[in-house]
Amino acid sequence: MNHIVTVQEAVTAFADWNEPTDAQLDAIELEMPLILADVDLIDAQIIAMDHMPNEVDTRRTRRALARMLAEWRTLANRTTDATVGGVA
């Protein structure tokens, strides 16, 4: 006789409590411009690795890095402003 047994981890893997909270989703949405800028940088680096980098690849990578750093600065300033909360 074969017993049918459920695996607890498989059953609870999709439980409601395992979903991201509203605060986590808000944090992801706040970081989305940085995430997209980072993806653009990785894409530019992959394109440059595919062949001998030329001037266009160098500019593309430099522009993507500048955008990623600008988004990082913007996010850091935004979270600093939020944590300070107007305290002088």
Protein backbone atom coordinates (compact mmCIF):
# COMPACT_ATOMS: atom_id res chain seq x y z
CA MET A 1 0.00 0.00 0.00
CA ASN A 2 1.36 3.44 -0.96
CA HIS A 3 0.71 6.29 1.41
CA ILE A 4 0.10 9.71 -0.01
CA VAL A 5 2.09 12.19 2.01
CA THR A 6 2.30 15.92 1.44
CA VAL A 7 5.51 17.76 1.96
CA GLN A 8 4.90 20.63 4.37
CA GLU A 9 7.32 22.99 2.57
CA ALA A 10 5.62 22.41 -0.76
CA VAL A 11 2.20 23.04 0.75
CA THR A 12 3.16 26.24 2.57
CA ALA A 13 5.41 27.60 -0.20
CA PHE A 14 2.50 29.52 -1.67
CA ALA A 15 0.77 30.52 1.55
CA ASP A 16 -0.63 34.03 1.94
CA TRP A 17 1.87 34.93 4.65
CA ASN A 18 4.73 34.20 2.24
CA GLU A 19 3.77 37.06 -0.07
CA PRO A 20 5.63 40.39 0.05
CA THR A 21 4.10 42.98 2.32
CA ASP A 22 2.90 46.37 1.14
CA ALA A 23 6.01 47.96 2.66
CA GLN A 24 8.27 45.59 0.73
CA LEU A 25 6.41 46.29 -2.52
CA ASP A 26 6.71 50.04 -1.87
CA ALA A 27 10.46 49.63 -1.30
CA ILE A 28 10.81 47.72 -4.57
CA GLU A 29 8.83 50.40 -6.40
CA LEU A 30 11.06 53.08 -4.87
CA GLU A 31 14.19 51.23 -6.02
CA MET A 32 12.86 50.39 -9.51
CA PRO A 33 14.69 53.25 -11.34
CA LEU A 34 17.97 52.05 -9.81
CA ILE A 35 17.21 48.45 -10.73
CA LEU A 36 16.46 49.41 -14.34
CA ALA A 37 19.61 51.55 -14.55
CA ASP A 38 21.64 48.62 -13.23
CA VAL A 39 20.10 46.33 -15.85
CA ASP A 40 21.06 48.85 -18.57
CA LEU A 41 24.64 48.89 -17.25
CA ILE A 42 24.82 45.10 -17.29
CA ASP A 43 23.40 45.03 -20.82
CA ALA A 44 26.02 47.55 -21.98
CA GLN A 45 28.78 45.49 -20.38
CA ILE A 46 27.53 42.29 -21.99
CA ILE A 47 27.40 43.96 -25.40
CA ALA A 48 30.97 45.21 -24.92
CA MET A 49 32.15 41.70 -23.96
CA ASP A 50 30.60 40.17 -27.07
CA HIS A 51 33.24 41.68 -29.35
CA MET A 52 36.24 43.98 -29.28
CA PRO A 53 34.89 47.13 -27.57
CA ASN A 54 34.76 50.20 -29.76
CA GLU A 55 34.06 53.85 -29.02
CA VAL A 56 30.28 53.38 -29.10
CA ASP A 57 30.48 50.53 -26.58
CA THR A 58 32.67 52.64 -24.32
CA ARG A 59 30.23 55.57 -24.45
CA ARG A 60 27.26 53.27 -23.89
CA THR A 61 28.89 51.71 -20.83
CA ARG A 62 30.00 55.09 -19.44
CA ARG A 63 26.51 56.56 -19.96
CA ALA A 64 24.86 53.55 -18.29
CA LEU A 65 27.29 53.78 -15.36
CA ALA A 66 26.58 57.51 -14.97
CA ARG A 67 22.83 56.85 -15.01
CA MET A 68 23.17 54.07 -12.45
CA LEU A 69 25.27 56.28 -10.15
CA ALA A 70 22.78 59.15 -10.52
CA GLU A 71 19.88 56.85 -9.61
CA TRP A 72 21.89 55.51 -6.66
CA ARG A 73 22.51 59.08 -5.45
CA THR A 74 18.84 59.98 -5.90
CA LEU A 75 17.73 56.92 -3.95
CA ALA A 76 20.26 57.58 -1.18
CA ASN A 77 19.12 61.19 -0.87
CA ARG A 78 15.46 60.18 -0.92
CA THR A 79 15.89 57.59 1.84
CA THR A 80 18.04 59.99 3.89
CA ASP A 81 15.33 62.64 3.63
CA ALA A 82 12.72 60.07 4.66
CA THR A 83 14.72 58.89 7.69
CA VAL A 84 15.57 62.38 8.89
CA GLY A 85 11.90 63.33 8.64
CA GLY A 86 12.46 67.07 8.78
CA VAL A 87 14.50 66.99 11.98
CA ALA A 88 16.90 69.96 11.99
